[in-house]
Amino acid sequence: MTQTTRLLKLARLLERNAANRKAKKKAIRFDLRNWGNPTNLYAWVELSDKGKILKVNCKTTACACGLACLSKTFQNEGLDYRLGDDGTLTPLYGRRRAQEAIRHFFGISDGQMKWLFFPENYKGWKTYVRLAGGSKNFGDEIEVATRIRKFVEDGVSPR
């Protein structure tokens, strides 16, 4: 699978999640600040043969990469995750973890990954930090999907 194909699949997944949430269907709450997190660890984590898994519901939060990790489509291509004791998700790809897993799975550089997926590279982030936890109106999934599509189309990022 090529970098372009995987990134475009992620853009579609993000757009579908936004549409589902708007239609009040099953969707995660998008949050660029974390890979993935249940609202209540004990209510939303269940055990399986692969260890703890995140039981996804409308209170689950995740960023673009966390959403990809939770997607069966991407899991079938080798992207996976593990949950820490605090219930937070960490991406896995082969023996790689976290940011390294994401870079290798999508075939992008460190700078490209940060430009596409890090909250500080989206408008509104500085306002959010200044308000110390105020409005989360930055980097919604449509904005991230649009950035991914532009990156695929142009093949460049600022870094």
C-alpha atoms as a PDB file:
ATOM      1  CA  MET A   1       0.000   0.000   0.000  1.00  0.00           C
ATOM      2  CA  THR A   2       1.410   3.389  -0.949  1.00  0.00           C
ATOM      3  CA  GLN A   3       1.780   6.479   1.190  1.00  0.00           C
ATOM      4  CA  THR A   4      -0.817   8.271  -0.940  1.00  0.00           C
ATOM      5  CA  THR A   5      -3.390   5.490  -0.627  1.00  0.00           C
ATOM      6  CA  ARG A   6      -3.084   5.253   3.140  1.00  0.00           C
ATOM      7  CA  LEU A   7      -3.202   9.000   3.657  1.00  0.00           C
ATOM      8  CA  LEU A   8      -6.279   9.351   1.436  1.00  0.00           C
ATOM      9  CA  LYS A   9      -7.957   6.491   3.319  1.00  0.00           C
ATOM     10  CA  LEU A  10      -7.275   8.384   6.535  1.00  0.00           C
ATOM     11  CA  ALA A  11      -8.759  11.586   5.062  1.00  0.00           C
ATOM     12  CA  ARG A  12     -11.934   9.648   4.138  1.00  0.00           C
ATOM     13  CA  LEU A  13     -12.088   8.087   7.615  1.00  0.00           C
ATOM     14  CA  LEU A  14     -11.831  11.530   9.226  1.00  0.00           C
ATOM     15  CA  GLU A  15     -14.556  12.930   6.981  1.00  0.00           C
ATOM     16  CA  ARG A  16     -16.812   9.951   7.721  1.00  0.00           C
ATOM     17  CA  ASN A  17     -16.278  10.368  11.461  1.00  0.00           C
ATOM     18  CA  ALA A  18     -17.236  14.058  11.247  1.00  0.00           C
ATOM     19  CA  ALA A  19     -20.349  13.216   9.226  1.00  0.00           C
ATOM     20  CA  ASN A  20     -21.342  10.462  11.661  1.00  0.00           C
ATOM     21  CA  ARG A  21     -20.948  12.748  14.650  1.00  0.00           C
ATOM     22  CA  LYS A  22     -22.972  15.477  12.946  1.00  0.00           C
ATOM     23  CA  ALA A  23     -25.731  12.927  12.197  1.00  0.00           C
ATOM     24  CA  LYS A  24     -25.510  11.741  15.830  1.00  0.00           C
ATOM     25  CA  LYS A  25     -24.315   8.291  14.774  1.00  0.00           C
ATOM     26  CA  LYS A  26     -21.461   6.337  16.374  1.00  0.00           C
ATOM     27  CA  ALA A  27     -18.336   8.475  16.151  1.00  0.00           C
ATOM     28  CA  ILE A  28     -15.355   9.352  18.304  1.00  0.00           C
ATOM     29  CA  ARG A  29     -14.840  12.846  19.706  1.00  0.00           C
ATOM     30  CA  PHE A  30     -11.946  14.260  17.711  1.00  0.00           C
ATOM     31  CA  ASP A  31      -9.107  15.729  19.780  1.00  0.00           C
ATOM     32  CA  LEU A  32      -5.684  16.429  18.305  1.00  0.00           C
ATOM     33  CA  ARG A  33      -4.132  16.453  21.777  1.00  0.00           C
ATOM     34  CA  ASN A  34      -4.107  12.686  22.346  1.00  0.00           C
ATOM     35  CA  TRP A  35      -3.734   9.434  20.432  1.00  0.00           C
ATOM     36  CA  GLY A  36      -6.861   7.990  21.995  1.00  0.00           C
ATOM     37  CA  ASN A  37      -8.503   7.932  25.364  1.00  0.00           C
ATOM     38  CA  PRO A  38     -11.681   6.570  26.914  1.00  0.00           C
ATOM     39  CA  THR A  39     -13.710   9.051  28.950  1.00  0.00           C
ATOM     40  CA  ASN A  40     -13.964   6.576  31.801  1.00  0.00           C
ATOM     41  CA  LEU A  41     -11.193   3.974  31.812  1.00  0.00           C
ATOM     42  CA  TYR A  42     -13.119   1.346  33.723  1.00  0.00           C
ATOM     43  CA  ALA A  43     -16.271   1.679  31.645  1.00  0.00           C
ATOM     44  CA  TRP A  44     -14.616   1.685  28.245  1.00  0.00           C
ATOM     45  CA  VAL A  45     -11.681  -0.700  28.434  1.00  0.00           C
ATOM     46  CA  GLU A  46     -12.311  -4.375  27.933  1.00  0.00           C
ATOM     47  CA  LEU A  47      -9.925  -7.307  27.896  1.00  0.00           C
ATOM     48  CA  SER A  48      -9.378  -9.446  24.830  1.00  0.00           C
ATOM     49  CA  ASP A  49      -6.885 -12.038  23.679  1.00  0.00           C
ATOM     50  CA  LYS A  50      -4.581  -9.204  22.554  1.00  0.00           C
ATOM     51  CA  GLY A  51      -4.711  -7.451  25.917  1.00  0.00           C
ATOM     52  CA  LYS A  52      -6.655  -4.347  26.816  1.00  0.00           C
ATOM     53  CA  ILE A  53      -8.613  -2.842  23.943  1.00  0.00           C
ATOM     54  CA  LEU A  54     -10.473   0.417  23.712  1.00  0.00           C
ATOM     55  CA  LYS A  55     -14.208  -0.114  23.532  1.00  0.00           C
ATOM     56  CA  VAL A  56     -15.136   2.740  21.220  1.00  0.00           C
ATOM     57  CA  ASN A  57     -18.242   4.809  21.844  1.00  0.00           C
ATOM     58  CA  CYS A  58     -19.354   8.415  21.437  1.00  0.00           C
ATOM     59  CA  LYS A  59     -17.318   9.477  24.500  1.00  0.00           C
ATOM     60  CA  THR A  60     -14.032   8.081  23.194  1.00  0.00           C
ATOM     61  CA  THR A  61     -11.571  10.770  22.140  1.00  0.00           C
ATOM     62  CA  ALA A  62      -8.835  10.327  19.553  1.00  0.00           C
ATOM     63  CA  CYS A  63      -6.739  12.252  17.081  1.00  0.00           C
ATOM     64  CA  ALA A  64      -6.384  11.359  13.401  1.00  0.00           C
ATOM     65  CA  CYS A  65      -3.695   8.752  14.097  1.00  0.00           C
ATOM     66  CA  GLY A  66      -5.619   7.299  17.038  1.00  0.00           C
ATOM     67  CA  LEU A  67      -8.708   6.991  14.851  1.00  0.00           C
ATOM     68  CA  ALA A  68      -6.606   5.156  12.250  1.00  0.00           C
ATOM     69  CA  CYS A  69      -5.328   2.774  14.948  1.00  0.00           C
ATOM     70  CA  LEU A  70      -8.901   2.000  15.994  1.00  0.00           C
ATOM     71  CA  SER A  71     -10.000   1.370  12.393  1.00  0.00           C
ATOM     72  CA  LYS A  72     -10.240  -2.257  11.255  1.00  0.00           C
ATOM     73  CA  THR A  73      -9.218  -1.101   7.758  1.00  0.00           C
ATOM     74  CA  PHE A  74      -5.859   0.130   9.023  1.00  0.00           C
ATOM     75  CA  GLN A  75      -5.494  -2.746  11.484  1.00  0.00           C
ATOM     76  CA  ASN A  76      -5.755  -5.135   8.525  1.00  0.00           C
ATOM     77  CA  GLU A  77      -2.722  -3.326   7.071  1.00  0.00           C
ATOM     78  CA  GLY A  78      -0.649  -3.755  10.234  1.00  0.00           C
ATOM     79  CA  LEU A  79      -1.368  -0.596  12.221  1.00  0.00           C
ATOM     80  CA  ASP A  80      -2.344  -1.453  15.774  1.00  0.00           C
ATOM     81  CA  TYR A  81      -2.318  -0.050  19.290  1.00  0.00           C
ATOM     82  CA  ARG A  82      -1.849  -0.918  22.924  1.00  0.00           C
ATOM     83  CA  LEU A  83      -3.369   0.736  25.950  1.00  0.00           C
ATOM     84  CA  GLY A  84      -1.289   1.943  28.845  1.00  0.00           C
ATOM     85  CA  ASP A  85      -2.304   1.513  32.456  1.00  0.00           C
ATOM     86  CA  ASP A  86      -3.918   4.950  32.291  1.00  0.00           C
ATOM     87  CA  GLY A  87      -6.058   3.858  29.335  1.00  0.00           C
ATOM     88  CA  THR A  88      -4.322   6.008  26.731  1.00  0.00           C
ATOM     89  CA  LEU A  89      -3.683   4.552  23.310  1.00  0.00           C
ATOM     90  CA  THR A  90      -0.191   4.162  21.821  1.00  0.00           C
ATOM     91  CA  PRO A  91       0.117   3.399  18.079  1.00  0.00           C
ATOM     92  CA  LEU A  92       2.061   0.297  17.022  1.00  0.00           C
ATOM     93  CA  TYR A  93       3.347  -0.764  13.616  1.00  0.00           C
ATOM     94  CA  GLY A  94       5.485  -3.868  13.684  1.00  0.00           C
ATOM     95  CA  ARG A  95       8.031  -3.265  16.439  1.00  0.00           C
ATOM     96  CA  ARG A  96       7.659   0.500  16.167  1.00  0.00           C
ATOM     97  CA  ARG A  97       5.698   2.564  18.686  1.00  0.00           C
ATOM     98  CA  ALA A  98       4.087   5.992  18.867  1.00  0.00           C
ATOM     99  CA  GLN A  99       5.427   8.601  16.411  1.00  0.00           C
ATOM    100  CA  GLU A 100       7.861   6.165  14.806  1.00  0.00           C
ATOM    101  CA  ALA A 101       4.975   3.775  14.090  1.00  0.00           C
ATOM    102  CA  ILE A 102       2.960   6.551  12.423  1.00  0.00           C
ATOM    103  CA  ARG A 103       5.909   7.788  10.325  1.00  0.00           C
ATOM    104  CA  HIS A 104       6.677   4.319   9.011  1.00  0.00           C
ATOM    105  CA  PHE A 105       3.064   3.249   8.454  1.00  0.00           C
ATOM    106  CA  PHE A 106       2.241   6.347   6.397  1.00  0.00           C
ATOM    107  CA  GLY A 107       5.727   6.640   4.852  1.00  0.00           C
ATOM    108  CA  ILE A 108       6.264  10.243   5.920  1.00  0.00           C
ATOM    109  CA  SER A 109       9.099  12.158   7.533  1.00  0.00           C
ATOM    110  CA  ASP A 110       9.106  13.429  11.095  1.00  0.00           C
ATOM    111  CA  GLY A 111       8.454  16.988   9.908  1.00  0.00           C
ATOM    112  CA  GLN A 112       5.609  15.888   7.636  1.00  0.00           C
ATOM    113  CA  MET A 113       4.035  13.905  10.462  1.00  0.00           C
ATOM    114  CA  LYS A 114       4.187  16.892  12.790  1.00  0.00           C
ATOM    115  CA  TRP A 115       2.749  19.233  10.146  1.00  0.00           C
ATOM    116  CA  LEU A 116      -0.125  16.852   9.391  1.00  0.00           C
ATOM    117  CA  PHE A 117      -0.994  15.650  12.886  1.00  0.00           C
ATOM    118  CA  PHE A 118       0.368  17.850  15.697  1.00  0.00           C
ATOM    119  CA  PRO A 119      -2.094  20.310  17.268  1.00  0.00           C
ATOM    120  CA  GLU A 120       0.383  23.170  17.527  1.00  0.00           C
ATOM    121  CA  ASN A 121       0.438  23.333  13.719  1.00  0.00           C
ATOM    122  CA  TYR A 122      -3.268  24.213  13.490  1.00  0.00           C
ATOM    123  CA  LYS A 123      -4.893  27.607  13.888  1.00  0.00           C
ATOM    124  CA  GLY A 124      -6.365  28.226  17.291  1.00  0.00           C
ATOM    125  CA  TRP A 125      -3.744  26.185  19.145  1.00  0.00           C
ATOM    126  CA  LYS A 126      -2.023  29.234  20.644  1.00  0.00           C
ATOM    127  CA  THR A 127      -5.384  30.564  21.840  1.00  0.00           C
ATOM    128  CA  TYR A 128      -6.163  27.205  23.406  1.00  0.00           C
ATOM    129  CA  VAL A 129      -2.839  27.101  25.259  1.00  0.00           C
ATOM    130  CA  ARG A 130      -3.217  30.704  26.419  1.00  0.00           C
ATOM    131  CA  LEU A 131      -6.669  29.940  27.828  1.00  0.00           C
ATOM    132  CA  ALA A 132      -5.204  26.891  29.631  1.00  0.00           C
ATOM    133  CA  GLY A 133      -7.796  24.413  28.529  1.00  0.00           C
ATOM    134  CA  GLY A 134     -10.364  26.737  27.011  1.00  0.00           C
ATOM    135  CA  SER A 135     -12.068  26.240  23.672  1.00  0.00           C
ATOM    136  CA  LYS A 136     -11.012  23.246  21.588  1.00  0.00           C
ATOM    137  CA  ASN A 137     -11.846  24.970  18.287  1.00  0.00           C
ATOM    138  CA  PHE A 138      -8.632  24.001  16.545  1.00  0.00           C
ATOM    139  CA  GLY A 139      -7.713  21.244  14.146  1.00  0.00           C
ATOM    140  CA  ASP A 140     -11.041  19.498  13.650  1.00  0.00           C
ATOM    141  CA  GLU A 141     -11.064  16.331  11.555  1.00  0.00           C
ATOM    142  CA  ILE A 142     -12.227  18.120   8.404  1.00  0.00           C
ATOM    143  CA  GLU A 143      -9.327  20.552   8.687  1.00  0.00           C
ATOM    144  CA  VAL A 144      -6.902  17.640   9.131  1.00  0.00           C
ATOM    145  CA  ALA A 145      -8.478  15.734   6.202  1.00  0.00           C
ATOM    146  CA  THR A 146      -8.166  18.837   4.008  1.00  0.00           C
ATOM    147  CA  ARG A 147      -4.507  19.217   4.976  1.00  0.00           C
ATOM    148  CA  ILE A 148      -3.860  15.541   4.178  1.00  0.00           C
ATOM    149  CA  ARG A 149      -5.493  15.897   0.737  1.00  0.00           C
ATOM    150  CA  LYS A 150      -3.464  19.032  -0.014  1.00  0.00           C
ATOM    151  CA  PHE A 151      -0.282  17.276   1.093  1.00  0.00           C
ATOM    152  CA  VAL A 152      -1.030  14.306  -1.202  1.00  0.00           C
ATOM    153  CA  GLU A 153      -1.889  16.633  -4.090  1.00  0.00           C
ATOM    154  CA  ASP A 154       1.137  18.944  -3.706  1.00  0.00           C
ATOM    155  CA  GLY A 155       3.538  16.433  -2.162  1.00  0.00           C
ATOM    156  CA  VAL A 156       5.047  19.087   0.073  1.00  0.00           C
ATOM    157  CA  SER A 157       4.720  20.390   3.597  1.00  0.00           C
ATOM    158  CA  PRO A 158       6.282  23.459   5.201  1.00  0.00           C
ATOM    159  CA  ARG A 159       8.892  21.305   6.954  1.00  0.00           C
END
